[in-house]
PDB file of N, CA and C in Angstrom:
ATOM      1  N   GLN A   1     -12.111  16.151  -6.348  1.00  0.00           N
ATOM      2  CA  GLN A   1     -11.771  15.217  -5.291  1.00  0.00           C
ATOM      3  C   GLN A   1     -10.554  14.402  -5.718  1.00  0.00           C
ATOM      4  N   VAL A   2      -9.510  14.506  -4.936  1.00  0.00           N
ATOM      5  CA  VAL A   2      -8.290  13.767  -5.257  1.00  0.00           C
ATOM      6  C   VAL A   2      -8.474  12.319  -4.861  1.00  0.00           C
ATOM      7  N   GLN A   3      -8.065  11.452  -5.733  1.00  0.00           N
ATOM      8  CA  GLN A   3      -8.054  10.036  -5.405  1.00  0.00           C
ATOM      9  C   GLN A   3      -6.633   9.507  -5.464  1.00  0.00           C
ATOM     10  N   LEU A   4      -6.449   8.418  -4.794  1.00  0.00           N
ATOM     11  CA  LEU A   4      -5.180   7.724  -4.874  1.00  0.00           C
ATOM     12  C   LEU A   4      -5.336   6.570  -5.842  1.00  0.00           C
ATOM     13  N   VAL A   5      -4.311   6.318  -6.597  1.00  0.00           N
ATOM     14  CA  VAL A   5      -4.349   5.264  -7.593  1.00  0.00           C
ATOM     15  C   VAL A   5      -3.311   4.210  -7.231  1.00  0.00           C
ATOM     16  N   GLU A   6      -3.799   3.009  -6.949  1.00  0.00           N
ATOM     17  CA  GLU A   6      -2.898   1.903  -6.663  1.00  0.00           C
ATOM     18  C   GLU A   6      -2.678   1.089  -7.932  1.00  0.00           C
ATOM     19  N   SER A   7      -1.512   0.512  -8.038  1.00  0.00           N
ATOM     20  CA  SER A   7      -1.212  -0.373  -9.165  1.00  0.00           C
ATOM     21  C   SER A   7      -0.209  -1.422  -8.718  1.00  0.00           C
ATOM     22  N   GLY A   8      -0.066  -2.456  -9.539  1.00  0.00           N
ATOM     23  CA  GLY A   8       0.935  -3.478  -9.270  1.00  0.00           C
ATOM     24  C   GLY A   8       0.380  -4.790  -8.764  1.00  0.00           C
ATOM     25  N   GLY A   9      -0.914  -4.843  -8.513  1.00  0.00           N
ATOM     26  CA  GLY A   9      -1.497  -6.094  -8.064  1.00  0.00           C
ATOM     27  C   GLY A   9      -1.563  -7.118  -9.179  1.00  0.00           C
ATOM     28  N   GLY A  10      -1.890  -8.336  -8.803  1.00  0.00           N
ATOM     29  CA  GLY A  10      -1.998  -9.396  -9.802  1.00  0.00           C
ATOM     30  C   GLY A  10      -1.933 -10.751  -9.156  1.00  0.00           C
ATOM     31  N   LEU A  11      -1.723 -11.748  -9.994  1.00  0.00           N
ATOM     32  CA  LEU A  11      -1.621 -13.131  -9.541  1.00  0.00           C
ATOM     33  C   LEU A  11      -0.158 -13.499  -9.356  1.00  0.00           C
ATOM     34  N   VAL A  12       0.150 -14.065  -8.218  1.00  0.00           N
ATOM     35  CA  VAL A  12       1.527 -14.479  -7.932  1.00  0.00           C
ATOM     36  C   VAL A  12       1.495 -15.814  -7.202  1.00  0.00           C
ATOM     37  N   GLN A  13       2.500 -16.626  -7.435  1.00  0.00           N
ATOM     38  CA  GLN A  13       2.566 -17.915  -6.761  1.00  0.00           C
ATOM     39  C   GLN A  13       3.030 -17.743  -5.314  1.00  0.00           C
ATOM     40  N   PRO A  14       2.670 -18.672  -4.461  1.00  0.00           N
ATOM     41  CA  PRO A  14       3.188 -18.622  -3.082  1.00  0.00           C
ATOM     42  C   PRO A  14       4.703 -18.539  -3.076  1.00  0.00           C
ATOM     43  N   GLY A  15       5.221 -17.656  -2.221  1.00  0.00           N
ATOM     44  CA  GLY A  15       6.655 -17.428  -2.188  1.00  0.00           C
ATOM     45  C   GLY A  15       7.124 -16.353  -3.136  1.00  0.00           C
ATOM     46  N   GLY A  16       6.243 -15.881  -3.980  1.00  0.00           N
ATOM     47  CA  GLY A  16       6.606 -14.867  -4.965  1.00  0.00           C
ATOM     48  C   GLY A  16       6.579 -13.462  -4.415  1.00  0.00           C
ATOM     49  N   SER A  17       6.831 -12.522  -5.319  1.00  0.00           N
ATOM     50  CA  SER A  17       6.937 -11.118  -4.930  1.00  0.00           C
ATOM     51  C   SER A  17       6.103 -10.230  -5.841  1.00  0.00           C
ATOM     52  N   LEU A  18       5.676  -9.115  -5.281  1.00  0.00           N
ATOM     53  CA  LEU A  18       5.002  -8.072  -6.041  1.00  0.00           C
ATOM     54  C   LEU A  18       5.396  -6.728  -5.457  1.00  0.00           C
ATOM     55  N   ARG A  19       5.339  -5.706  -6.304  1.00  0.00           N
ATOM     56  CA  ARG A  19       5.539  -4.352  -5.808  1.00  0.00           C
ATOM     57  C   ARG A  19       4.329  -3.506  -6.166  1.00  0.00           C
ATOM     58  N   LEU A  20       3.706  -2.966  -5.152  1.00  0.00           N
ATOM     59  CA  LEU A  20       2.554  -2.096  -5.345  1.00  0.00           C
ATOM     60  C   LEU A  20       3.001  -0.634  -5.326  1.00  0.00           C
ATOM     61  N   SER A  21       2.272   0.179  -6.077  1.00  0.00           N
ATOM     62  CA  SER A  21       2.552   1.620  -6.106  1.00  0.00           C
ATOM     63  C   SER A  21       1.289   2.382  -5.773  1.00  0.00           C
ATOM     64  N   CYS A  22       1.457   3.551  -5.221  1.00  0.00           N
ATOM     65  CA  CYS A  22       0.335   4.414  -4.855  1.00  0.00           C
ATOM     66  C   CYS A  22       0.709   5.850  -5.193  1.00  0.00           C
ATOM     67  N   SER A  23      -0.106   6.474  -6.040  1.00  0.00           N
ATOM     68  CA  SER A  23       0.131   7.873  -6.419  1.00  0.00           C
ATOM     69  C   SER A  23      -1.192   8.616  -6.433  1.00  0.00           C
ATOM     70  N   PRO A  24      -1.180   9.910  -6.183  1.00  0.00           N
ATOM     71  CA  PRO A  24      -2.426  10.676  -6.264  1.00  0.00           C
ATOM     72  C   PRO A  24      -2.824  10.927  -7.710  1.00  0.00           C
ATOM     73  N   SER A  25      -4.114  11.108  -7.921  1.00  0.00           N
ATOM     74  CA  SER A  25      -4.615  11.345  -9.278  1.00  0.00           C
ATOM     75  C   SER A  25      -4.253  12.743  -9.767  1.00  0.00           C
ATOM     76  N   ARG A  26      -3.905  13.628  -8.845  1.00  0.00           N
ATOM     77  CA  ARG A  26      -3.457  14.984  -9.209  1.00  0.00           C
ATOM     78  C   ARG A  26      -2.045  15.201  -8.669  1.00  0.00           C
ATOM     79  N   SER A  27      -1.187  15.702  -9.501  1.00  0.00           N
ATOM     80  CA  SER A  27       0.211  15.890  -9.093  1.00  0.00           C
ATOM     81  C   SER A  27       0.357  16.976  -8.040  1.00  0.00           C
ATOM     82  N   SER A  28      -0.657  17.834  -7.915  1.00  0.00           N
ATOM     83  CA  SER A  28      -0.583  18.923  -6.935  1.00  0.00           C
ATOM     84  C   SER A  28      -0.855  18.445  -5.516  1.00  0.00           C
ATOM     85  N   PHE A  29      -1.324  17.210  -5.398  1.00  0.00           N
ATOM     86  CA  PHE A  29      -1.619  16.627  -4.084  1.00  0.00           C
ATOM     87  C   PHE A  29      -0.330  16.096  -3.490  1.00  0.00           C
ATOM     88  N   SER A  30       0.134  16.734  -2.445  1.00  0.00           N
ATOM     89  CA  SER A  30       1.367  16.288  -1.794  1.00  0.00           C
ATOM     90  C   SER A  30       1.024  15.341  -0.657  1.00  0.00           C
ATOM     91  N   ILE A  31       1.707  14.223  -0.673  1.00  0.00           N
ATOM     92  CA  ILE A  31       1.415  13.171   0.287  1.00  0.00           C
ATOM     93  C   ILE A  31       2.210  13.377   1.570  1.00  0.00           C
ATOM     94  N   ASN A  32       1.530  13.252   2.684  1.00  0.00           N
ATOM     95  CA  ASN A  32       2.203  13.275   3.987  1.00  0.00           C
ATOM     96  C   ASN A  32       2.397  11.826   4.424  1.00  0.00           C
ATOM     97  N   ALA A  33       1.782  11.411   5.492  1.00  0.00           N
ATOM     98  CA  ALA A  33       1.910  10.018   5.934  1.00  0.00           C
ATOM     99  C   ALA A  33       1.038   9.108   5.079  1.00  0.00           C
ATOM    100  N   VAL A  34       1.476   7.882   4.918  1.00  0.00           N
ATOM    101  CA  VAL A  34       0.758   6.913   4.088  1.00  0.00           C
ATOM    102  C   VAL A  34       0.674   5.579   4.803  1.00  0.00           C
ATOM    103  N   GLY A  35      -0.442   4.910   4.590  1.00  0.00           N
ATOM    104  CA  GLY A  35      -0.599   3.555   5.094  1.00  0.00           C
ATOM    105  C   GLY A  35      -1.086   2.641   4.000  1.00  0.00           C
ATOM    106  N   TRP A  36      -0.548   1.449   3.979  1.00  0.00           N
ATOM    107  CA  TRP A  36      -1.090   0.390   3.121  1.00  0.00           C
ATOM    108  C   TRP A  36      -1.937  -0.529   3.999  1.00  0.00           C
ATOM    109  N   TYR A  37      -3.133  -0.818   3.507  1.00  0.00           N
ATOM    110  CA  TYR A  37      -4.068  -1.692   4.194  1.00  0.00           C
ATOM    111  C   TYR A  37      -4.420  -2.842   3.252  1.00  0.00           C
ATOM    112  N   ARG A  38      -5.011  -3.881   3.812  1.00  0.00           N
ATOM    113  CA  ARG A  38      -5.524  -4.957   2.987  1.00  0.00           C
ATOM    114  C   ARG A  38      -6.801  -5.499   3.598  1.00  0.00           C
ATOM    115  N   GLN A  39      -7.640  -6.013   2.715  1.00  0.00           N
ATOM    116  CA  GLN A  39      -8.892  -6.612   3.147  1.00  0.00           C
ATOM    117  C   GLN A  39      -9.103  -7.904   2.392  1.00  0.00           C
ATOM    118  N   ALA A  40      -9.057  -8.999   3.123  1.00  0.00           N
ATOM    119  CA  ALA A  40      -9.292 -10.309   2.544  1.00  0.00           C
ATOM    120  C   ALA A  40     -10.792 -10.585   2.536  1.00  0.00           C
ATOM    121  N   PRO A  41     -11.241 -11.485   1.680  1.00  0.00           N
ATOM    122  CA  PRO A  41     -12.671 -11.792   1.616  1.00  0.00           C
ATOM    123  C   PRO A  41     -13.218 -12.228   2.972  1.00  0.00           C
ATOM    124  N   GLY A  42     -14.280 -11.577   3.395  1.00  0.00           N
ATOM    125  CA  GLY A  42     -14.918 -11.939   4.646  1.00  0.00           C
ATOM    126  C   GLY A  42     -14.214 -11.447   5.897  1.00  0.00           C
ATOM    127  N   LYS A  43     -13.178 -10.652   5.715  1.00  0.00           N
ATOM    128  CA  LYS A  43     -12.418 -10.160   6.874  1.00  0.00           C
ATOM    129  C   LYS A  43     -12.419  -8.639   6.900  1.00  0.00           C
ATOM    130  N   GLU A  44     -12.047  -8.097   8.045  1.00  0.00           N
ATOM    131  CA  GLU A  44     -11.963  -6.656   8.191  1.00  0.00           C
ATOM    132  C   GLU A  44     -10.673  -6.139   7.556  1.00  0.00           C
ATOM    133  N   ARG A  45     -10.729  -4.862   7.192  1.00  0.00           N
ATOM    134  CA  ARG A  45      -9.538  -4.228   6.646  1.00  0.00           C
ATOM    135  C   ARG A  45      -8.486  -4.101   7.749  1.00  0.00           C
ATOM    136  N   GLU A  46      -7.244  -4.408   7.416  1.00  0.00           N
ATOM    137  CA  GLU A  46      -6.183  -4.344   8.407  1.00  0.00           C
ATOM    138  C   GLU A  46      -5.013  -3.525   7.887  1.00  0.00           C
ATOM    139  N   LEU A  47      -4.336  -2.872   8.823  1.00  0.00           N
ATOM    140  CA  LEU A  47      -3.172  -2.067   8.475  1.00  0.00           C
ATOM    141  C   LEU A  47      -1.966  -2.970   8.270  1.00  0.00           C
ATOM    142  N   VAL A  48      -1.259  -2.740   7.178  1.00  0.00           N
ATOM    143  CA  VAL A  48      -0.110  -3.571   6.829  1.00  0.00           C
ATOM    144  C   VAL A  48       1.200  -2.837   7.111  1.00  0.00           C
ATOM    145  N   ALA A  49       1.289  -1.589   6.636  1.00  0.00           N
ATOM    146  CA  ALA A  49       2.538  -0.845   6.777  1.00  0.00           C
ATOM    147  C   ALA A  49       2.251   0.648   6.702  1.00  0.00           C
ATOM    148  N   THR A  50       3.114   1.425   7.338  1.00  0.00           N
ATOM    149  CA  THR A  50       2.979   2.873   7.309  1.00  0.00           C
ATOM    150  C   THR A  50       4.326   3.522   7.058  1.00  0.00           C
ATOM    151  N   ILE A  51       4.262   4.746   6.541  1.00  0.00           N
ATOM    152  CA  ILE A  51       5.485   5.521   6.347  1.00  0.00           C
ATOM    153  C   ILE A  51       5.165   6.995   6.501  1.00  0.00           C
ATOM    154  N   THR A  52       6.019   7.705   7.229  1.00  0.00           N
ATOM    155  CA  THR A  52       5.837   9.144   7.381  1.00  0.00           C
ATOM    156  C   THR A  52       6.534   9.859   6.234  1.00  0.00           C
ATOM    157  N   ARG A  53       6.355  11.172   6.178  1.00  0.00           N
ATOM    158  CA  ARG A  53       6.969  11.923   5.095  1.00  0.00           C
ATOM    159  C   ARG A  53       8.503  11.869   5.201  1.00  0.00           C
ATOM    160  N   THR A  54       8.977  11.741   6.420  1.00  0.00           N
ATOM    161  CA  THR A  54      10.424  11.690   6.616  1.00  0.00           C
ATOM    162  C   THR A  54      10.983  10.277   6.480  1.00  0.00           C
ATOM    163  N   GLY A  55      10.108   9.311   6.233  1.00  0.00           N
ATOM    164  CA  GLY A  55      10.581   7.965   5.955  1.00  0.00           C
ATOM    165  C   GLY A  55      10.538   6.992   7.114  1.00  0.00           C
ATOM    166  N   ARG A  56       9.974   7.408   8.231  1.00  0.00           N
ATOM    167  CA  ARG A  56       9.859   6.464   9.347  1.00  0.00           C
ATOM    168  C   ARG A  56       8.791   5.428   8.998  1.00  0.00           C
ATOM    169  N   THR A  57       9.111   4.171   9.203  1.00  0.00           N
ATOM    170  CA  THR A  57       8.201   3.093   8.791  1.00  0.00           C
ATOM    171  C   THR A  57       7.693   2.276   9.971  1.00  0.00           C
ATOM    172  N   GLY A  58       6.571   1.610   9.747  1.00  0.00           N
ATOM    173  CA  GLY A  58       6.000   0.696  10.720  1.00  0.00           C
ATOM    174  C   GLY A  58       5.323  -0.447   9.997  1.00  0.00           C
ATOM    175  N   TYR A  59       5.317  -1.624  10.617  1.00  0.00           N
ATOM    176  CA  TYR A  59       4.770  -2.807   9.963  1.00  0.00           C
ATOM    177  C   TYR A  59       3.919  -3.635  10.921  1.00  0.00           C
ATOM    178  N   ALA A  60       2.925  -4.298  10.362  1.00  0.00           N
ATOM    179  CA  ALA A  60       2.210  -5.311  11.123  1.00  0.00           C
ATOM    180  C   ALA A  60       3.169  -6.466  11.384  1.00  0.00           C
ATOM    181  N   ASP A  61       3.011  -7.110  12.515  1.00  0.00           N
ATOM    182  CA  ASP A  61       3.911  -8.210  12.870  1.00  0.00           C
ATOM    183  C   ASP A  61       3.925  -9.298  11.804  1.00  0.00           C
ATOM    184  N   SER A  62       2.783  -9.518  11.174  1.00  0.00           N
ATOM    185  CA  SER A  62       2.657 -10.611  10.210  1.00  0.00           C
ATOM    186  C   SER A  62       3.486 -10.397   8.944  1.00  0.00           C
ATOM    187  N   VAL A  63       3.916  -9.151   8.680  1.00  0.00           N
ATOM    188  CA  VAL A  63       4.647  -8.889   7.437  1.00  0.00           C
ATOM    189  C   VAL A  63       6.079  -8.427   7.676  1.00  0.00           C
ATOM    190  N   LYS A  64       6.462  -8.247   8.927  1.00  0.00           N
ATOM    191  CA  LYS A  64       7.818  -7.783   9.225  1.00  0.00           C
ATOM    192  C   LYS A  64       8.855  -8.726   8.634  1.00  0.00           C
ATOM    193  N   GLY A  65       9.851  -8.135   7.988  1.00  0.00           N
ATOM    194  CA  GLY A  65      10.904  -8.929   7.378  1.00  0.00           C
ATOM    195  C   GLY A  65      10.595  -9.384   5.970  1.00  0.00           C
ATOM    196  N   ARG A  66       9.344  -9.243   5.542  1.00  0.00           N
ATOM    197  CA  ARG A  66       8.970  -9.671   4.181  1.00  0.00           C
ATOM    198  C   ARG A  66       8.489  -8.503   3.319  1.00  0.00           C
ATOM    199  N   PHE A  67       7.831  -7.538   3.938  1.00  0.00           N
ATOM    200  CA  PHE A  67       7.305  -6.378   3.209  1.00  0.00           C
ATOM    201  C   PHE A  67       8.164  -5.156   3.515  1.00  0.00           C
ATOM    202  N   THR A  68       8.300  -4.304   2.520  1.00  0.00           N
ATOM    203  CA  THR A  68       9.021  -3.051   2.697  1.00  0.00           C
ATOM    204  C   THR A  68       8.222  -1.916   2.089  1.00  0.00           C
ATOM    205  N   ILE A  69       7.938  -0.910   2.902  1.00  0.00           N
ATOM    206  CA  ILE A  69       7.260   0.284   2.410  1.00  0.00           C
ATOM    207  C   ILE A  69       8.318   1.362   2.179  1.00  0.00           C
ATOM    208  N   SER A  70       8.171   2.080   1.084  1.00  0.00           N
ATOM    209  CA  SER A  70       9.134   3.132   0.768  1.00  0.00           C
ATOM    210  C   SER A  70       8.404   4.233   0.003  1.00  0.00           C
ATOM    211  N   ARG A  71       9.099   5.347  -0.193  1.00  0.00           N
ATOM    212  CA  ARG A  71       8.475   6.451  -0.916  1.00  0.00           C
ATOM    213  C   ARG A  71       9.514   7.222  -1.695  1.00  0.00           C
ATOM    214  N   ASP A  72       9.035   7.818  -2.763  1.00  0.00           N
ATOM    215  CA  ASP A  72       9.854   8.715  -3.582  1.00  0.00           C
ATOM    216  C   ASP A  72       9.109  10.050  -3.589  1.00  0.00           C
ATOM    217  N   ASN A  73       9.533  10.965  -2.758  1.00  0.00           N
ATOM    218  CA  ASN A  73       8.813  12.239  -2.640  1.00  0.00           C
ATOM    219  C   ASN A  73       8.868  13.044  -3.930  1.00  0.00           C
ATOM    220  N   ALA A  74       9.930  12.890  -4.687  1.00  0.00           N
ATOM    221  CA  ALA A  74      10.031  13.613  -5.955  1.00  0.00           C
ATOM    222  C   ALA A  74       8.967  13.131  -6.947  1.00  0.00           C
ATOM    223  N   LYS A  75       8.639  11.860  -6.873  1.00  0.00           N
ATOM    224  CA  LYS A  75       7.613  11.292  -7.757  1.00  0.00           C
ATOM    225  C   LYS A  75       6.254  11.259  -7.074  1.00  0.00           C
ATOM    226  N   ASN A  76       6.214  11.675  -5.794  1.00  0.00           N
ATOM    227  CA  ASN A  76       4.944  11.667  -5.058  1.00  0.00           C
ATOM    228  C   ASN A  76       4.308  10.286  -5.076  1.00  0.00           C
ATOM    229  N   THR A  77       5.127   9.281  -4.859  1.00  0.00           N
ATOM    230  CA  THR A  77       4.676   7.890  -4.969  1.00  0.00           C
ATOM    231  C   THR A  77       5.177   7.098  -3.769  1.00  0.00           C
ATOM    232  N   VAL A  78       4.322   6.201  -3.309  1.00  0.00           N
ATOM    233  CA  VAL A  78       4.681   5.298  -2.225  1.00  0.00           C
ATOM    234  C   VAL A  78       4.592   3.872  -2.746  1.00  0.00           C
ATOM    235  N   TYR A  79       5.507   3.037  -2.294  1.00  0.00           N
ATOM    236  CA  TYR A  79       5.584   1.657  -2.771  1.00  0.00           C
ATOM    237  C   TYR A  79       5.421   0.677  -1.610  1.00  0.00           C
ATOM    238  N   LEU A  80       4.981  -0.507  -1.964  1.00  0.00           N
ATOM    239  CA  LEU A  80       4.970  -1.611  -1.010  1.00  0.00           C
ATOM    240  C   LEU A  80       5.566  -2.821  -1.714  1.00  0.00           C
ATOM    241  N   GLU A  81       6.770  -3.167  -1.316  1.00  0.00           N
ATOM    242  CA  GLU A  81       7.441  -4.345  -1.855  1.00  0.00           C
ATOM    243  C   GLU A  81       7.058  -5.529  -0.985  1.00  0.00           C
ATOM    244  N   MET A  82       6.496  -6.556  -1.621  1.00  0.00           N
ATOM    245  CA  MET A  82       6.016  -7.725  -0.875  1.00  0.00           C
ATOM    246  C   MET A  82       6.753  -8.965  -1.345  1.00  0.00           C
ATOM    247  N   ASN A  83       7.419  -9.622  -0.439  1.00  0.00           N
ATOM    248  CA  ASN A  83       8.177 -10.836  -0.737  1.00  0.00           C
ATOM    249  C   ASN A  83       7.633 -12.012   0.054  1.00  0.00           C
ATOM    250  N   SER A  84       7.967 -13.199  -0.402  1.00  0.00           N
ATOM    251  CA  SER A  84       7.547 -14.440   0.280  1.00  0.00           C
ATOM    252  C   SER A  84       6.050 -14.426   0.560  1.00  0.00           C
ATOM    253  N   LEU A  85       5.283 -14.105  -0.435  1.00  0.00           N
ATOM    254  CA  LEU A  85       3.836 -13.984  -0.259  1.00  0.00           C
ATOM    255  C   LEU A  85       3.197 -15.336   0.039  1.00  0.00           C
ATOM    256  N   LYS A  86       2.151 -15.273   0.854  1.00  0.00           N
ATOM    257  CA  LYS A  86       1.430 -16.472   1.283  1.00  0.00           C
ATOM    258  C   LYS A  86       0.009 -16.442   0.743  1.00  0.00           C
ATOM    259  N   PRO A  87      -0.588 -17.599   0.535  1.00  0.00           N
ATOM    260  CA  PRO A  87      -1.964 -17.628   0.014  1.00  0.00           C
ATOM    261  C   PRO A  87      -2.936 -16.836   0.881  1.00  0.00           C
ATOM    262  N   GLU A  88      -2.733 -16.852   2.188  1.00  0.00           N
ATOM    263  CA  GLU A  88      -3.644 -16.136   3.072  1.00  0.00           C
ATOM    264  C   GLU A  88      -3.504 -14.623   2.975  1.00  0.00           C
ATOM    265  N   GLU A  89      -2.538 -14.166   2.198  1.00  0.00           N
ATOM    266  CA  GLU A  89      -2.379 -12.730   1.982  1.00  0.00           C
ATOM    267  C   GLU A  89      -3.103 -12.256   0.717  1.00  0.00           C
ATOM    268  N   THR A  90      -3.856 -13.141   0.138  1.00  0.00           N
ATOM    269  CA  THR A  90      -4.748 -12.745  -0.944  1.00  0.00           C
ATOM    270  C   THR A  90      -5.758 -11.742  -0.408  1.00  0.00           C
ATOM    271  N   ALA A  91      -5.809 -10.584  -1.036  1.00  0.00           N
ATOM    272  CA  ALA A  91      -6.663  -9.507  -0.523  1.00  0.00           C
ATOM    273  C   ALA A  91      -6.651  -8.349  -1.510  1.00  0.00           C
ATOM    274  N   VAL A  92      -7.549  -7.438  -1.295  1.00  0.00           N
ATOM    275  CA  VAL A  92      -7.465  -6.148  -1.974  1.00  0.00           C
ATOM    276  C   VAL A  92      -6.601  -5.244  -1.100  1.00  0.00           C
ATOM    277  N   TYR A  93      -5.587  -4.674  -1.707  1.00  0.00           N
ATOM    278  CA  TYR A  93      -4.660  -3.806  -0.989  1.00  0.00           C
ATOM    279  C   TYR A  93      -5.007  -2.360  -1.305  1.00  0.00           C
ATOM    280  N   TYR A  94      -5.143  -1.576  -0.244  1.00  0.00           N
ATOM    281  CA  TYR A  94      -5.545  -0.181  -0.362  1.00  0.00           C
ATOM    282  C   TYR A  94      -4.452   0.737   0.149  1.00  0.00           C
ATOM    283  N   CYS A  95      -4.384   1.883  -0.478  1.00  0.00           N
ATOM    284  CA  CYS A  95      -3.478   2.927  -0.035  1.00  0.00           C
ATOM    285  C   CYS A  95      -4.313   4.040   0.613  1.00  0.00           C
ATOM    286  N   ASN A  96      -3.836   4.531   1.733  1.00  0.00           N
ATOM    287  CA  ASN A  96      -4.470   5.664   2.395  1.00  0.00           C
ATOM    288  C   ASN A  96      -3.406   6.720   2.642  1.00  0.00           C
ATOM    289  N   ALA A  97      -3.672   7.922   2.208  1.00  0.00           N
ATOM    290  CA  ALA A  97      -2.688   8.991   2.364  1.00  0.00           C
ATOM    291  C   ALA A  97      -3.296  10.214   3.022  1.00  0.00           C
ATOM    292  N   ILE A  98      -2.492  10.861   3.827  1.00  0.00           N
ATOM    293  CA  ILE A  98      -2.893  12.110   4.452  1.00  0.00           C
ATOM    294  C   ILE A  98      -2.325  13.258   3.625  1.00  0.00           C
ATOM    295  N   SER A  99      -3.193  14.200   3.282  1.00  0.00           N
ATOM    296  CA  SER A  99      -2.746  15.353   2.512  1.00  0.00           C
ATOM    297  C   SER A  99      -1.811  16.221   3.350  1.00  0.00           C
ATOM    298  N   LEU A 100      -0.690  16.588   2.758  1.00  0.00           N
ATOM    299  CA  LEU A 100       0.249  17.459   3.448  1.00  0.00           C
ATOM    300  C   LEU A 100      -0.354  18.844   3.663  1.00  0.00           C
ATOM    301  N   LEU A 101      -1.238  19.250   2.755  1.00  0.00           N
ATOM    302  CA  LEU A 101      -1.806  20.594   2.815  1.00  0.00           C
ATOM    303  C   LEU A 101      -3.015  20.669   3.744  1.00  0.00           C
ATOM    304  N   THR A 102      -3.926  19.709   3.611  1.00  0.00           N
ATOM    305  CA  THR A 102      -5.203  19.802   4.333  1.00  0.00           C
ATOM    306  C   THR A 102      -5.288  18.908   5.557  1.00  0.00           C
ATOM    307  N   GLY A 103      -4.433  17.901   5.620  1.00  0.00           N
ATOM    308  CA  GLY A 103      -4.520  16.947   6.715  1.00  0.00           C
ATOM    309  C   GLY A 103      -5.636  15.925   6.541  1.00  0.00           C
ATOM    310  N   LYS A 104      -6.334  15.989   5.419  1.00  0.00           N
ATOM    311  CA  LYS A 104      -7.433  15.049   5.196  1.00  0.00           C
ATOM    312  C   LYS A 104      -6.899  13.707   4.708  1.00  0.00           C
ATOM    313  N   SER A 105      -7.700  12.676   4.974  1.00  0.00           N
ATOM    314  CA  SER A 105      -7.357  11.311   4.596  1.00  0.00           C
ATOM    315  C   SER A 105      -8.018  10.963   3.271  1.00  0.00           C
ATOM    316  N   HIS A 106      -7.265  10.315   2.409  1.00  0.00           N
ATOM    317  CA  HIS A 106      -7.782   9.907   1.105  1.00  0.00           C
ATOM    318  C   HIS A 106      -7.480   8.440   0.877  1.00  0.00           C
ATOM    319  N   TRP A 107      -8.442   7.754   0.246  1.00  0.00           N
ATOM    320  CA  TRP A 107      -8.285   6.329  -0.050  1.00  0.00           C
ATOM    321  C   TRP A 107      -8.230   6.093  -1.554  1.00  0.00           C
ATOM    322  N   GLY A 108      -7.549   5.026  -1.910  1.00  0.00           N
ATOM    323  CA  GLY A 108      -7.614   4.555  -3.274  1.00  0.00           C
ATOM    324  C   GLY A 108      -8.700   3.493  -3.385  1.00  0.00           C
ATOM    325  N   GLU A 109      -8.904   3.011  -4.612  1.00  0.00           N
ATOM    326  CA  GLU A 109      -9.944   1.997  -4.834  1.00  0.00           C
ATOM    327  C   GLU A 109      -9.420   0.584  -4.638  1.00  0.00           C
ATOM    328  N   GLY A 110      -8.126   0.466  -4.452  1.00  0.00           N
ATOM    329  CA  GLY A 110      -7.555  -0.838  -4.157  1.00  0.00           C
ATOM    330  C   GLY A 110      -7.041  -1.570  -5.372  1.00  0.00           C
ATOM    331  N   THR A 111      -6.118  -2.470  -5.116  1.00  0.00           N
ATOM    332  CA  THR A 111      -5.599  -3.342  -6.168  1.00  0.00           C
ATOM    333  C   THR A 111      -5.588  -4.767  -5.622  1.00  0.00           C
ATOM    334  N   LEU A 112      -6.057  -5.698  -6.431  1.00  0.00           N
ATOM    335  CA  LEU A 112      -6.215  -7.075  -5.977  1.00  0.00           C
ATOM    336  C   LEU A 112      -4.903  -7.843  -6.102  1.00  0.00           C
ATOM    337  N   VAL A 113      -4.530  -8.478  -4.999  1.00  0.00           N
ATOM    338  CA  VAL A 113      -3.370  -9.369  -4.980  1.00  0.00           C
ATOM    339  C   VAL A 113      -3.882 -10.779  -4.708  1.00  0.00           C
ATOM    340  N   THR A 114      -3.585 -11.681  -5.611  1.00  0.00           N
ATOM    341  CA  THR A 114      -4.005 -13.071  -5.464  1.00  0.00           C
ATOM    342  C   THR A 114      -2.761 -13.934  -5.392  1.00  0.00           C
ATOM    343  N   VAL A 115      -2.631 -14.654  -4.287  1.00  0.00           N
ATOM    344  CA  VAL A 115      -1.482 -15.540  -4.099  1.00  0.00           C
ATOM    345  C   VAL A 115      -1.983 -16.976  -4.213  1.00  0.00           C
ATOM    346  N   SER A 116      -1.642 -17.600  -5.315  1.00  0.00           N
ATOM    347  CA  SER A 116      -2.178 -18.935  -5.586  1.00  0.00           C
ATOM    348  C   SER A 116      -1.292 -19.657  -6.588  1.00  0.00           C
ATOM    349  N   SER A 117      -1.248 -20.976  -6.446  1.00  0.00           N
ATOM    350  CA  SER A 117      -0.505 -21.781  -7.404  1.00  0.00           C
ATOM    351  C   SER A 117      -1.439 -22.285  -8.504  1.00  0.00           C
TER     352      SER A 117
END
């Protein structure tokens, strides 16, 4: 079972930046479309940003202009650059990827982002 591995989370002050990465646990897993989601304590999981294999992106209104999703197909990795972070964006951030081969959806276990002074 292929899993996605997220990294880059941590503690950051309000207004700070972090870059998250998402890669499959097996290099043979080719990523098609990808979405970054987040789930804050006591809240439902919400979609933050998406990117297709060709690089078309989409963002939740709350993060437009501050977050950037990108991908390096050669490295089979997707990134989420987060700037001007707010305390209310403290959450576990998850990566979801669609397999290019099977069309199946795969989730990572998440990486915790804490925005606090």
